[in-house]
Amino acid sequence: EPKVEGKFVVRGRTLVFVPKELKPSTIYTVTLKKSIAVKGTDPLKNDVVIQFETSPKQTEYSESSWYMNTSKAEFAPNGPMLFSIGSVDTAQEFTVKAFAFKSFDLYKKNFVKALEIPGWAFETNKTFVVPAADITLAREFSLKPQTYKQEYSKYLVLPENLPKGDYWIEISSKNQTQHIFAEVTDMATYLDVTANKTLLWVNNLASKGPIQNAQVSLSSGLAL
């Protein structure tokens, strides 16, 4: 999936499927049914599923290409609010747009959808876009990278803090655009998972104490 036209070719002891055409920047899923019988071999015990991603139609490599060091950020309401960025010089200009989600449910829906994309699917992750109907432009900045405490790292530092809420951040420069999910919240969490236990700390950054009676649920909606 998606469906591909092609032909099978036998090469020695190998059966090869030769596709007629593959779409660029697309994740394909190949399923080998356990019912497939190959003479002289043991049958499969279960279906085998293989996924791969095709390369983009045209890839341009440039020494000036930059990258973000994360796909999600969390900020306290009192800041600072900054994004780590690599392979840039301090003279390069960036446009940063902060789009606010119209509701937490819309933020959750899009965030979970993005998580469903395999981490190795670079092109699919890069081209993931939140529907315009789910967000509204809240802030726009023109920024240059700068150091912040660590001289060897460069950051885009917002000149004013965003209000509490959930955001889709668009960062653009030199015909290149990347996106980041961001949350501005007083809630700080830490999760630790072992073989048979799960421990979650939930604290309030404003009061510097634990949040009482916190409700925890899975992305599926199942309460814990």
Protein backbone atom coordinates (compact mmCIF):
# COMPACT_ATOMS: atom_id res chain seq x y z
CA GLU A 1 0.00 0.00 0.00
CA PRO A 2 -0.52 2.26 -1.80
CA LYS A 3 -1.16 -0.09 -4.73
CA VAL A 4 1.71 -0.36 -7.21
CA GLU A 5 1.76 -1.88 -10.70
CA GLY A 6 4.74 -4.05 -11.60
CA LYS A 7 5.99 -7.53 -12.35
CA PHE A 8 7.71 -10.42 -10.61
CA VAL A 9 11.08 -11.62 -11.85
CA VAL A 10 12.88 -14.80 -10.76
CA ARG A 11 16.64 -14.42 -10.33
CA GLY A 12 18.20 -17.63 -9.19
CA ARG A 13 16.54 -18.52 -5.89
CA THR A 14 15.23 -14.96 -5.46
CA LEU A 15 11.79 -13.69 -6.44
CA VAL A 16 11.98 -9.97 -7.16
CA PHE A 17 9.08 -7.53 -7.57
CA VAL A 18 9.96 -4.77 -10.04
CA PRO A 19 7.58 -1.80 -9.66
CA LYS A 20 6.52 0.13 -12.74
CA GLU A 21 6.73 3.40 -10.82
CA LEU A 22 7.02 4.58 -7.22
CA LYS A 23 5.84 7.98 -6.04
CA PRO A 24 8.49 10.23 -4.43
CA SER A 25 8.45 10.97 -0.67
CA THR A 26 5.93 8.18 -0.03
CA ILE A 27 5.75 5.47 2.63
CA TYR A 28 4.98 2.06 1.13
CA THR A 29 3.80 -0.96 3.12
CA VAL A 30 4.51 -4.45 1.81
CA THR A 31 2.71 -7.41 3.40
CA LEU A 32 3.88 -10.99 2.84
CA LYS A 33 1.00 -13.29 3.73
CA LYS A 34 1.81 -16.39 5.75
CA SER A 35 -0.22 -18.36 3.22
CA ILE A 36 2.48 -17.81 0.58
CA ALA A 37 4.18 -21.18 -0.02
CA VAL A 38 7.73 -21.50 -1.34
CA LYS A 39 8.85 -24.98 -2.35
CA GLY A 40 11.57 -26.40 -0.14
CA THR A 41 11.12 -23.90 2.73
CA ASP A 42 9.10 -23.79 5.92
CA PRO A 43 5.91 -21.69 5.75
CA LEU A 44 5.71 -18.35 7.54
CA LYS A 45 4.17 -18.50 11.01
CA ASN A 46 2.75 -14.97 10.68
CA ASP A 47 2.29 -12.29 8.07
CA VAL A 48 5.43 -10.22 7.54
CA VAL A 49 5.03 -6.44 7.13
CA ILE A 50 7.80 -4.30 5.64
CA GLN A 51 7.76 -0.51 5.23
CA PHE A 52 10.04 1.83 3.32
CA GLU A 53 10.06 5.46 2.21
CA THR A 54 11.04 6.68 -1.25
CA SER A 55 13.37 9.63 -1.74
CA PRO A 56 12.08 13.04 -2.84
CA LYS A 57 11.67 13.78 -6.55
CA GLN A 58 14.63 16.11 -6.49
CA THR A 59 17.06 16.58 -3.64
CA GLU A 60 19.32 19.57 -3.43
CA TYR A 61 22.17 19.54 -0.98
CA SER A 62 23.52 22.84 0.21
CA GLU A 63 26.20 23.77 2.69
CA SER A 64 23.83 26.44 3.98
CA SER A 65 21.09 23.94 4.91
CA TRP A 66 20.02 24.31 8.54
CA TYR A 67 18.11 22.04 10.87
CA MET A 68 16.11 22.15 14.08
CA ASN A 69 17.25 19.97 16.97
CA THR A 70 13.76 18.91 18.06
CA SER A 71 10.23 18.39 16.76
CA LYS A 72 8.49 19.41 20.01
CA ALA A 73 9.15 22.10 22.60
CA GLU A 74 7.71 23.02 26.00
CA PHE A 75 8.02 26.42 27.65
CA ALA A 76 7.09 27.93 30.99
CA PRO A 77 4.84 31.01 30.61
CA ASN A 78 7.58 33.29 31.97
CA GLY A 79 10.10 31.97 29.43
CA PRO A 80 12.67 32.08 28.03
CA MET A 81 11.26 30.74 24.77
CA LEU A 82 13.96 29.63 22.35
CA PHE A 83 14.65 27.02 19.68
CA SER A 84 18.01 25.28 19.19
CA ILE A 85 19.17 25.42 15.57
CA GLY A 86 22.15 23.89 13.79
CA SER A 87 24.36 24.70 10.77
CA VAL A 88 23.68 28.43 10.71
CA ASP A 89 25.60 31.68 10.97
CA THR A 90 24.49 34.63 13.07
CA ALA A 91 23.81 36.78 9.99
CA GLN A 92 21.13 34.46 8.64
CA GLU A 93 17.56 35.75 9.00
CA PHE A 94 14.61 33.57 9.97
CA THR A 95 10.85 34.11 9.91
CA VAL A 96 9.14 32.49 12.89
CA LYS A 97 5.35 32.17 12.89
CA ALA A 98 3.47 30.91 15.95
CA PHE A 99 0.06 29.45 15.07
CA ALA A 100 -2.24 28.80 18.03
CA PHE A 101 -4.43 25.70 17.95
CA LYS A 102 -8.11 26.54 18.25
CA SER A 103 -8.59 23.85 20.92
CA PHE A 104 -6.59 21.27 22.88
CA ASP A 105 -8.48 18.48 21.09
CA LEU A 106 -7.21 19.77 17.72
CA TYR A 107 -3.67 19.97 19.10
CA LYS A 108 -3.91 16.42 20.42
CA LYS A 109 -5.38 15.08 17.16
CA ASN A 110 -2.56 16.54 15.06
CA PHE A 111 0.19 15.64 17.52
CA VAL A 112 -0.93 12.00 17.68
CA LYS A 113 -1.19 11.91 13.87
CA ALA A 114 2.40 13.16 13.58
CA LEU A 115 3.57 10.53 16.08
CA GLU A 116 2.12 7.80 13.88
CA ILE A 117 4.71 8.61 11.19
CA PRO A 118 7.78 6.37 11.65
CA GLY A 119 10.86 8.20 12.88
CA TRP A 120 12.91 6.92 9.92
CA ALA A 121 10.45 8.43 7.40
CA PHE A 122 12.39 11.68 7.09
CA GLU A 123 10.61 13.13 4.06
CA THR A 124 7.12 12.30 5.36
CA ASN A 125 7.90 13.84 8.74
CA LYS A 126 9.37 16.92 7.08
CA THR A 127 6.30 17.52 4.91
CA PHE A 128 3.68 16.92 7.64
CA VAL A 129 1.38 19.95 7.80
CA VAL A 130 -1.37 20.91 10.24
CA PRO A 131 -4.64 21.88 8.49
CA ALA A 132 -5.11 25.64 8.31
CA ALA A 133 -8.63 25.26 9.74
CA ASP A 134 -7.18 23.96 13.04
CA ILE A 135 -4.93 26.95 13.79
CA THR A 136 -4.77 30.73 13.74
CA LEU A 137 -1.72 33.01 13.46
CA ALA A 138 -0.86 34.37 16.91
CA ARG A 139 2.62 35.92 16.50
CA GLU A 140 5.21 36.50 13.78
CA PHE A 141 8.88 37.38 14.30
CA SER A 142 11.95 38.13 12.17
CA LEU A 143 14.96 36.74 14.03
CA LYS A 144 18.66 36.01 13.73
CA PRO A 145 20.39 33.13 15.55
CA GLN A 146 22.21 34.03 18.75
CA THR A 147 24.08 32.32 21.53
CA TYR A 148 22.37 31.66 24.85
CA LYS A 149 24.52 30.60 27.82
CA GLN A 150 26.30 27.99 25.68
CA GLU A 151 28.55 29.71 23.16
CA TYR A 152 28.84 26.69 20.87
CA SER A 153 25.06 26.50 20.29
CA LYS A 154 22.81 28.82 18.32
CA TYR A 155 19.20 29.66 19.19
CA LEU A 156 16.23 31.57 17.87
CA VAL A 157 15.04 33.51 20.92
CA LEU A 158 11.51 34.93 20.86
CA PRO A 159 11.53 38.65 21.82
CA GLU A 160 8.24 38.22 23.68
CA ASN A 161 6.71 35.22 25.41
CA LEU A 162 3.68 33.46 23.96
CA PRO A 163 0.52 33.17 26.07
CA LYS A 164 -0.36 29.81 27.60
CA GLY A 165 -1.61 27.40 24.97
CA ASP A 166 -0.68 24.92 22.26
CA TYR A 167 1.14 26.01 19.10
CA TRP A 168 2.34 24.95 15.66
CA ILE A 169 5.60 26.84 15.07
CA GLU A 170 6.71 27.52 11.48
CA ILE A 171 10.38 28.45 11.01
CA SER A 172 11.58 29.54 7.55
CA SER A 173 14.85 30.71 5.98
CA LYS A 174 16.57 30.37 2.60
CA ASN A 175 13.71 28.50 0.87
CA GLN A 176 13.62 25.97 3.70
CA THR A 177 10.80 25.50 6.23
CA GLN A 178 10.47 23.32 9.32
CA HIS A 179 7.72 22.97 11.92
CA ILE A 180 7.63 22.28 15.65
CA PHE A 181 4.81 21.50 18.06
CA ALA A 182 5.06 23.69 21.17
CA GLU A 183 3.27 23.99 24.50
CA VAL A 184 3.29 26.95 26.87
CA THR A 185 2.19 25.65 30.25
CA ASP A 186 2.82 25.75 34.00
CA MET A 187 2.69 21.95 34.05
CA ALA A 188 5.97 20.04 34.12
CA THR A 189 6.05 16.26 33.77
CA TYR A 190 8.64 13.50 33.92
CA LEU A 191 7.94 9.92 32.92
CA ASP A 192 9.92 6.83 33.94
CA VAL A 193 8.96 3.41 32.57
CA THR A 194 10.37 0.07 33.78
CA ALA A 195 9.49 -3.51 32.88
CA ASN A 196 6.51 -3.61 35.26
CA LYS A 197 6.00 -0.08 36.60
CA THR A 198 5.32 3.40 35.26
CA LEU A 199 6.07 6.50 37.33
CA LEU A 200 4.88 9.98 36.36
CA TRP A 201 5.79 13.21 38.15
CA VAL A 202 3.36 16.11 37.57
CA ASN A 203 4.42 19.46 39.02
CA ASN A 204 3.31 23.11 38.87
CA LEU A 205 6.08 25.47 37.79
CA ALA A 206 4.33 28.47 39.34
CA SER A 207 3.83 27.00 42.82
CA LYS A 208 6.91 24.74 42.56
CA GLY A 209 4.87 21.89 44.03
CA PRO A 210 3.03 18.77 42.88
CA ILE A 211 -0.32 19.02 41.08
CA GLN A 212 -2.98 17.38 43.19
CA ASN A 213 -5.56 14.96 41.75
CA ALA A 214 -4.03 14.98 38.27
CA GLN A 215 -5.94 12.93 35.70
CA VAL A 216 -3.74 10.81 33.44
CA SER A 217 -4.91 9.10 30.24
CA LEU A 218 -3.41 7.51 27.14
CA SER A 219 -3.65 9.20 23.74
CA SER A 220 -6.41 6.70 22.96
CA GLY A 221 -8.49 8.28 25.73
CA LEU A 222 -8.13 5.35 28.15
CA ALA A 223 -7.79 6.70 31.71
CA LEU A 224 -5.09 5.28 33.95
